[in-house]
Amino acid sequence: MKRAVAMGSCNAKLVKRSMMTAFSVLAAGSILSTSEVFADSTPTSQANRPVNYQTEATTAVQGLIGSYWNSSGNQFENTPGGSYTGNYWWEANGLYALADADLATNSTAYSSYMNHFIAGLQNQYGTQMYNSWNDDEGWLGIALMQAVKAKVTNLSTAFPVVRTTSSSMSSSSVPALVQDAEALQADIENSWTSEGGITWDKPSAGSSWYNPYYRDTAANMTDTILSTELYAATRNKSYLTDAKQVFDWEWNTLVLPTGGNVNGTDYQPGTVMDGVDWNPQTQQNTYPNGGTAQWTYNYGTVVGAAVELFKLTGDSTYLTDAKLVANAAINQFAKANDVMAGVET
């Protein structure tokens, strides 16, 4: 039974960084193989339009490579035709897109890009692959697991992260990139708080950013998806335990299953909030102004996490959760042309 968590009044505003919305689709990509999730949610204008998703995927990733790939840096540029300056979470999304395209098109055309990309990341970050933001580490961990599924040729080449000790990571049969993903998951889990939830950032983010009480959907749901991926790959039960614990916290704290009024605004059932602060004095969670922001990727990662847990456990409650949040996203964000946009412009 999911336990409700009390919410208090508005706290200080925390400015949320804008993030790549496209990943909300990628993170929830497993939904495409679970047709019942969207069985009753197909936009009318799409219902009679034949779509070849393999062709769409090929066109999209070729456009991405053609516009953003930097052959000298072996990574994606920040802007089309610009110079490469590096950005951790953009790179994670780029690697995932390459691996996803490889799998979606049943082609190895993107393997060389992935191999060069991983080498580029190693060159960019040297001996340290950790990051100050937990959601960013989650994006990269998920991307590494997708690259493993795509069977990139240099799986023996790991990022030079400092590994933690776990039963699965001690096995030489575990691919190096999976071990990297395990190390990232362990680092994220270190930010689990006594009041529940994983913080958005870490002390290394600096005093102007770090908030030890702010826990957001992106950090918690990317960790959940990464944990399910690691459980599926290693069968280490601790990962499934982690995934369930974090998802339950998210559902009880940042999802509004029955809707409700928060900070003077009414929200529909299935709404996903960005994050909450913890008030040590009142011992309650409170939504800061930015915490109620409606980002499409938050919905995408909640749906993706719920579907992955359903696939691993067979518990239909997770599928019901996924449907509720997916329908809420469609109801709130879908425009006349079927484009989904939240606060992003």
Protein backbone atom coordinates (compact mmCIF):
# COMPACT_ATOMS: atom_id res chain seq x y z
CA MET A 1 0.00 0.00 0.00
CA LYS A 2 1.39 3.39 -0.96
CA ARG A 3 1.63 5.78 1.96
CA ALA A 4 0.61 9.40 1.61
CA VAL A 5 3.06 12.14 2.56
CA ALA A 6 1.80 15.46 3.92
CA MET A 7 2.53 18.63 1.96
CA GLY A 8 3.00 22.03 3.53
CA SER A 9 2.93 25.57 2.16
CA CYS A 10 5.07 27.25 -0.49
CA ASN A 11 8.81 27.52 0.14
CA ALA A 12 11.52 29.56 -1.57
CA LYS A 13 11.63 29.28 -5.35
CA LEU A 14 14.26 27.00 -6.82
CA VAL A 15 15.13 27.74 -10.43
CA LYS A 16 15.01 24.59 -12.51
CA ARG A 17 17.44 24.16 -15.37
CA SER A 18 15.83 23.61 -18.76
CA MET A 19 16.50 20.11 -20.06
CA MET A 20 16.16 18.24 -23.32
CA THR A 21 12.51 17.32 -23.61
CA ALA A 22 13.11 14.64 -26.21
CA PHE A 23 14.52 12.32 -23.56
CA SER A 24 11.08 12.00 -21.99
CA VAL A 25 10.13 10.00 -25.06
CA LEU A 26 13.36 7.98 -25.04
CA ALA A 27 13.20 7.16 -21.34
CA ALA A 28 9.68 5.88 -21.77
CA GLY A 29 10.50 4.13 -25.02
CA SER A 30 9.62 0.74 -23.58
CA ILE A 31 5.98 1.82 -23.72
CA LEU A 32 6.00 1.17 -27.45
CA SER A 33 6.16 -2.55 -26.70
CA THR A 34 3.36 -2.28 -24.13
CA SER A 35 0.51 -1.26 -26.41
CA GLU A 36 -2.19 -1.37 -23.77
CA VAL A 37 -0.72 1.70 -22.06
CA PHE A 38 -1.85 3.93 -24.91
CA ALA A 39 -4.71 1.77 -26.18
CA ASP A 40 -7.27 4.39 -25.17
CA SER A 41 -5.09 7.46 -25.60
CA THR A 42 -4.29 7.81 -29.33
CA PRO A 43 -4.77 11.42 -30.51
CA THR A 44 -7.59 11.54 -33.07
CA SER A 45 -5.52 13.11 -35.85
CA GLN A 46 -2.94 10.34 -35.51
CA ALA A 47 -5.41 7.47 -35.58
CA ASN A 48 -5.67 7.24 -39.39
CA ARG A 49 -2.13 8.32 -40.25
CA PRO A 50 0.16 5.39 -41.13
CA VAL A 51 3.55 5.84 -39.49
CA ASN A 52 6.68 3.84 -40.21
CA TYR A 53 8.54 4.32 -36.94
CA GLN A 54 11.70 2.70 -38.31
CA THR A 55 11.80 5.31 -41.06
CA GLU A 56 11.01 8.08 -38.57
CA ALA A 57 13.83 6.91 -36.29
CA THR A 58 16.34 6.77 -39.13
CA THR A 59 15.39 10.24 -40.36
CA ALA A 60 15.59 11.70 -36.87
CA VAL A 61 18.97 10.28 -35.91
CA GLN A 62 20.50 11.12 -39.30
CA GLY A 63 19.33 14.68 -38.78
CA LEU A 64 20.87 14.69 -35.30
CA ILE A 65 24.20 13.41 -36.58
CA GLY A 66 24.20 15.69 -39.63
CA SER A 67 23.52 18.82 -37.62
CA TYR A 68 25.33 18.23 -34.33
CA TRP A 69 28.08 15.61 -34.66
CA ASN A 70 31.61 16.93 -34.06
CA SER A 71 34.09 14.52 -35.64
CA SER A 72 37.13 16.05 -33.95
CA GLY A 73 35.65 15.85 -30.46
CA ASN A 74 33.75 12.61 -31.17
CA GLN A 75 30.69 14.06 -29.48
CA PHE A 76 27.69 16.26 -30.21
CA GLU A 77 28.00 20.02 -30.37
CA ASN A 78 25.84 22.29 -28.24
CA THR A 79 24.47 24.08 -31.32
CA PRO A 80 24.41 23.06 -35.00
CA GLY A 81 27.75 23.84 -36.60
CA GLY A 82 29.13 25.30 -33.39
CA SER A 83 32.30 24.43 -31.54
CA TYR A 84 32.22 21.62 -29.02
CA THR A 85 32.15 22.86 -25.43
CA GLY A 86 30.80 19.77 -23.65
CA ASN A 87 27.75 19.26 -21.50
CA TYR A 88 27.35 16.13 -19.44
CA TRP A 89 23.61 15.53 -19.73
CA TRP A 90 23.40 16.49 -23.40
CA GLU A 91 26.09 13.92 -24.08
CA ALA A 92 24.14 11.28 -22.17
CA ASN A 93 21.05 12.01 -24.28
CA GLY A 94 23.15 11.88 -27.44
CA LEU A 95 24.58 8.47 -26.59
CA TYR A 96 21.13 7.14 -25.76
CA ALA A 97 19.76 8.42 -29.07
CA LEU A 98 22.52 6.63 -31.00
CA ALA A 99 21.97 3.37 -29.14
CA ASP A 100 18.19 3.63 -29.44
CA ALA A 101 18.45 4.25 -33.18
CA ASP A 102 20.74 1.25 -33.55
CA LEU A 103 18.15 -0.95 -31.83
CA ALA A 104 15.08 0.62 -33.41
CA THR A 105 16.37 0.30 -36.96
CA ASN A 106 17.94 -3.14 -36.44
CA SER A 107 21.13 -1.72 -37.88
CA THR A 108 24.75 -1.47 -36.79
CA ALA A 109 25.21 1.76 -38.72
CA TYR A 110 25.57 3.73 -35.52
CA SER A 111 28.02 1.45 -33.71
CA SER A 112 31.09 3.37 -34.86
CA TYR A 113 29.53 6.62 -33.65
CA MET A 114 28.86 5.06 -30.25
CA ASN A 115 32.41 3.72 -29.98
CA HIS A 116 33.87 7.10 -30.92
CA PHE A 117 31.38 8.81 -28.61
CA ILE A 118 32.42 6.74 -25.59
CA ALA A 119 36.07 7.46 -26.37
CA GLY A 120 35.18 11.15 -26.61
CA LEU A 121 33.51 11.09 -23.21
CA GLN A 122 36.55 9.40 -21.69
CA ASN A 123 38.78 12.05 -23.20
CA GLN A 124 36.49 14.85 -22.00
CA TYR A 125 36.17 13.71 -18.39
CA GLY A 126 39.43 11.93 -17.79
CA THR A 127 39.48 10.07 -14.50
CA GLN A 128 36.17 11.39 -13.18
CA MET A 129 32.80 10.47 -14.65
CA TYR A 130 30.66 11.57 -11.72
CA ASN A 131 28.59 14.74 -11.87
CA SER A 132 27.18 17.25 -9.40
CA TRP A 133 23.57 16.59 -10.49
CA ASN A 134 22.00 13.22 -9.79
CA ASP A 135 19.56 13.35 -12.69
CA ASP A 136 22.48 13.89 -15.08
CA GLU A 137 24.19 10.77 -13.75
CA GLY A 138 20.91 8.94 -14.17
CA TRP A 139 20.66 10.01 -17.83
CA LEU A 140 24.19 8.72 -18.49
CA GLY A 141 23.66 5.44 -16.63
CA ILE A 142 20.54 4.70 -18.70
CA ALA A 143 22.42 5.61 -21.88
CA LEU A 144 25.26 3.23 -21.00
CA MET A 145 22.77 0.40 -20.49
CA GLN A 146 21.19 1.16 -23.86
CA ALA A 147 24.64 1.08 -25.47
CA VAL A 148 25.19 -2.36 -23.91
CA LYS A 149 21.93 -3.56 -25.47
CA ALA A 150 23.11 -2.23 -28.82
CA LYS A 151 26.27 -4.33 -28.38
CA VAL A 152 28.84 -1.66 -29.08
CA THR A 153 32.19 -3.27 -29.84
CA ASN A 154 34.27 -1.65 -27.12
CA LEU A 155 32.27 -2.95 -24.15
CA SER A 156 35.56 -3.89 -22.53
CA THR A 157 36.44 -0.21 -22.30
CA ALA A 158 35.06 1.34 -19.14
CA PHE A 159 35.04 4.92 -18.00
CA PRO A 160 37.69 5.46 -15.32
CA VAL A 161 35.23 5.93 -12.47
CA VAL A 162 35.97 4.97 -8.90
CA ARG A 163 33.93 1.83 -8.40
CA THR A 164 32.03 0.80 -5.34
CA THR A 165 31.85 -2.81 -4.20
CA SER A 166 28.87 -4.98 -5.07
CA SER A 167 28.37 -8.64 -5.77
CA SER A 168 27.55 -8.09 -9.42
CA MET A 169 30.41 -5.69 -10.05
CA SER A 170 32.96 -8.18 -8.75
CA SER A 171 32.13 -10.54 -11.60
CA SER A 172 34.40 -10.41 -14.63
CA SER A 173 31.41 -11.47 -16.74
CA VAL A 174 29.70 -8.11 -16.20
CA PRO A 175 30.51 -5.76 -19.12
CA ALA A 176 32.61 -2.75 -18.21
CA LEU A 177 29.91 -0.29 -19.24
CA VAL A 178 27.43 -2.05 -16.95
CA GLN A 179 29.94 -1.69 -14.15
CA ASP A 180 30.14 2.01 -14.94
CA ALA A 181 26.34 2.25 -14.78
CA GLU A 182 26.43 0.42 -11.44
CA ALA A 183 28.94 2.91 -10.09
CA LEU A 184 26.76 5.82 -11.19
CA GLN A 185 23.68 4.24 -9.58
CA ALA A 186 25.56 3.76 -6.32
CA ASP A 187 26.67 7.39 -6.38
CA ILE A 188 23.10 8.58 -6.98
CA GLU A 189 21.77 6.40 -4.18
CA ASN A 190 24.24 8.07 -1.81
CA SER A 191 21.98 11.14 -2.08
CA TRP A 192 18.94 9.33 -0.66
CA THR A 193 17.74 11.44 2.28
CA SER A 194 16.46 10.43 5.70
CA GLU A 195 13.12 12.11 4.91
CA GLY A 196 12.90 10.15 1.66
CA GLY A 197 13.82 10.93 -1.93
CA ILE A 198 17.05 11.62 -3.78
CA THR A 199 18.28 15.21 -3.92
CA TRP A 200 18.53 16.97 -7.25
CA ASP A 201 22.17 17.96 -6.75
CA LYS A 202 25.15 17.35 -4.47
CA PRO A 203 27.36 19.62 -2.35
CA SER A 204 29.87 19.69 -5.23
CA ALA A 205 27.34 21.78 -7.22
CA GLY A 206 28.42 24.74 -5.09
CA SER A 207 26.68 26.95 -2.55
CA SER A 208 24.78 28.91 -5.19
CA TRP A 209 23.10 25.70 -6.44
CA TYR A 210 23.10 23.04 -3.77
CA ASN A 211 19.93 22.54 -1.77
CA PRO A 212 20.12 19.59 0.65
CA TYR A 213 16.32 19.46 0.90
CA TYR A 214 15.16 19.66 -2.74
CA ARG A 215 14.25 16.29 -4.25
CA ASP A 216 12.95 16.25 -7.79
CA THR A 217 11.23 13.88 -10.18
CA ALA A 218 14.07 13.78 -12.72
CA ALA A 219 16.69 12.57 -10.24
CA ASN A 220 14.42 10.00 -8.63
CA MET A 221 12.87 8.60 -11.80
CA THR A 222 16.10 8.33 -13.79
CA ASP A 223 17.52 6.46 -10.80
CA THR A 224 14.48 4.16 -10.81
CA ILE A 225 14.80 3.41 -14.52
CA LEU A 226 18.55 2.83 -14.16
CA SER A 227 17.95 0.51 -11.21
CA THR A 228 15.44 -1.56 -13.20
CA GLU A 229 17.91 -1.78 -16.09
CA LEU A 230 20.65 -2.97 -13.75
CA TYR A 231 18.39 -5.54 -12.11
CA ALA A 232 17.42 -6.92 -15.51
CA ALA A 233 21.11 -7.15 -16.48
CA THR A 234 22.60 -8.50 -13.25
CA ARG A 235 19.67 -10.00 -11.30
CA ASN A 236 21.09 -8.32 -8.21
CA LYS A 237 17.90 -7.99 -6.13
CA SER A 238 19.12 -4.86 -4.39
CA TYR A 239 18.51 -2.94 -7.60
CA LEU A 240 14.87 -3.98 -7.73
CA THR A 241 14.52 -3.04 -4.06
CA ASP A 242 16.01 0.39 -4.80
CA ALA A 243 13.71 0.88 -7.79
CA LYS A 244 10.57 0.06 -5.81
CA GLN A 245 11.57 2.25 -2.87
CA VAL A 246 12.32 5.29 -5.01
CA PHE A 247 9.23 4.87 -7.19
CA ASP A 248 6.96 4.55 -4.14
CA TRP A 249 8.44 7.75 -2.71
CA GLU A 250 7.84 9.53 -6.01
CA TRP A 251 4.26 8.32 -6.24
CA ASN A 252 3.46 9.28 -2.67
CA THR A 253 5.16 12.67 -2.86
CA LEU A 254 5.38 14.11 -6.36
CA VAL A 255 2.48 12.47 -8.20
CA LEU A 256 -1.12 13.58 -7.52
CA PRO A 257 -3.10 10.37 -8.22
CA THR A 258 -6.43 12.03 -7.46
CA GLY A 259 -5.42 15.58 -8.36
CA GLY A 260 -5.86 18.38 -5.86
CA ASN A 261 -5.05 21.98 -5.02
CA VAL A 262 -1.41 22.90 -4.47
CA ASN A 263 -0.33 26.45 -3.69
CA GLY A 264 -3.69 27.77 -4.91
CA THR A 265 -3.76 25.90 -8.23
CA ASP A 266 -6.01 22.94 -9.06
CA TYR A 267 -4.34 19.94 -10.71
CA GLN A 268 -5.89 16.98 -12.51
CA PRO A 269 -5.41 13.33 -11.45
CA GLY A 270 -2.04 11.97 -12.52
CA THR A 271 -0.25 15.33 -12.39
CA VAL A 272 3.51 15.07 -11.80
CA MET A 273 5.23 17.84 -9.85
CA ASP A 274 8.86 18.81 -10.37
CA GLY A 275 10.07 18.61 -6.76
CA VAL A 276 9.64 19.31 -3.07
CA ASP A 277 11.65 20.90 -0.28
CA TRP A 278 11.86 19.47 3.22
CA ASN A 279 11.22 21.82 6.11
CA PRO A 280 13.25 20.62 9.13
CA GLN A 281 11.20 22.79 11.51
CA THR A 282 7.76 21.53 10.50
CA GLN A 283 9.00 18.09 9.42
CA GLN A 284 6.95 18.39 6.25
CA ASN A 285 7.51 18.49 2.52
CA THR A 286 6.59 21.78 0.85
CA TYR A 287 6.27 22.67 -2.83
CA PRO A 288 8.46 25.67 -3.70
CA ASN A 289 7.28 27.80 -6.61
CA GLY A 290 9.47 25.96 -9.11
CA GLY A 291 8.46 22.64 -7.60
CA THR A 292 5.05 22.74 -9.24
CA ALA A 293 6.45 23.38 -12.74
CA GLN A 294 5.04 21.10 -15.42
CA TRP A 295 7.84 19.52 -17.45
CA THR A 296 7.01 16.86 -20.05
CA TYR A 297 10.12 14.82 -19.25
CA ASN A 298 8.91 14.37 -15.67
CA TYR A 299 5.81 12.64 -16.98
CA GLY A 300 7.89 10.61 -19.41
CA THR A 301 10.26 9.29 -16.78
CA VAL A 302 7.43 8.40 -14.36
CA VAL A 303 5.63 6.46 -17.10
CA GLY A 304 8.88 4.81 -18.18
CA ALA A 305 9.75 3.79 -14.62
CA ALA A 306 6.26 2.39 -13.99
CA VAL A 307 6.32 0.34 -17.20
CA GLU A 308 9.75 -1.09 -16.39
CA LEU A 309 8.59 -2.10 -12.91
CA PHE A 310 5.47 -3.71 -14.39
CA LYS A 311 7.60 -5.70 -16.83
CA LEU A 312 9.91 -6.92 -14.05
CA THR A 313 7.30 -7.67 -11.38
CA GLY A 314 4.08 -8.37 -13.25
CA ASP A 315 2.31 -6.10 -10.76
CA SER A 316 -0.52 -4.48 -12.74
CA THR A 317 -0.63 -1.57 -10.27
CA TYR A 318 2.40 -0.13 -12.02
CA LEU A 319 0.69 -0.36 -15.39
CA THR A 320 -2.36 1.41 -13.95
CA ASP A 321 -0.02 4.11 -12.64
CA ALA A 322 1.58 4.47 -16.07
CA LYS A 323 -1.81 4.85 -17.76
CA LEU A 324 -2.94 7.51 -15.30
CA VAL A 325 0.18 9.65 -15.75
CA ALA A 326 0.30 9.12 -19.53
CA ASN A 327 -3.31 10.25 -19.91
CA ALA A 328 -2.67 13.25 -17.66
CA ALA A 329 0.26 14.25 -19.85
CA ILE A 330 -1.80 13.92 -23.03
CA ASN A 331 -4.70 15.86 -21.54
CA GLN A 332 -2.45 18.65 -20.33
CA PHE A 333 0.18 18.97 -23.03
CA ALA A 334 -1.17 17.69 -26.36
CA LYS A 335 -1.83 20.53 -28.79
CA ALA A 336 -3.95 20.59 -31.95
CA ASN A 337 -0.98 19.36 -34.01
CA ASP A 338 -0.21 16.58 -31.47
CA VAL A 339 2.97 18.30 -30.32
CA MET A 340 3.49 17.93 -26.58
CA ALA A 341 5.00 20.95 -24.83
CA GLY A 342 5.11 21.97 -21.19
CA VAL A 343 6.87 25.05 -19.83
CA GLU A 344 9.55 24.61 -22.51
CA THR A 345 9.29 27.13 -25.36
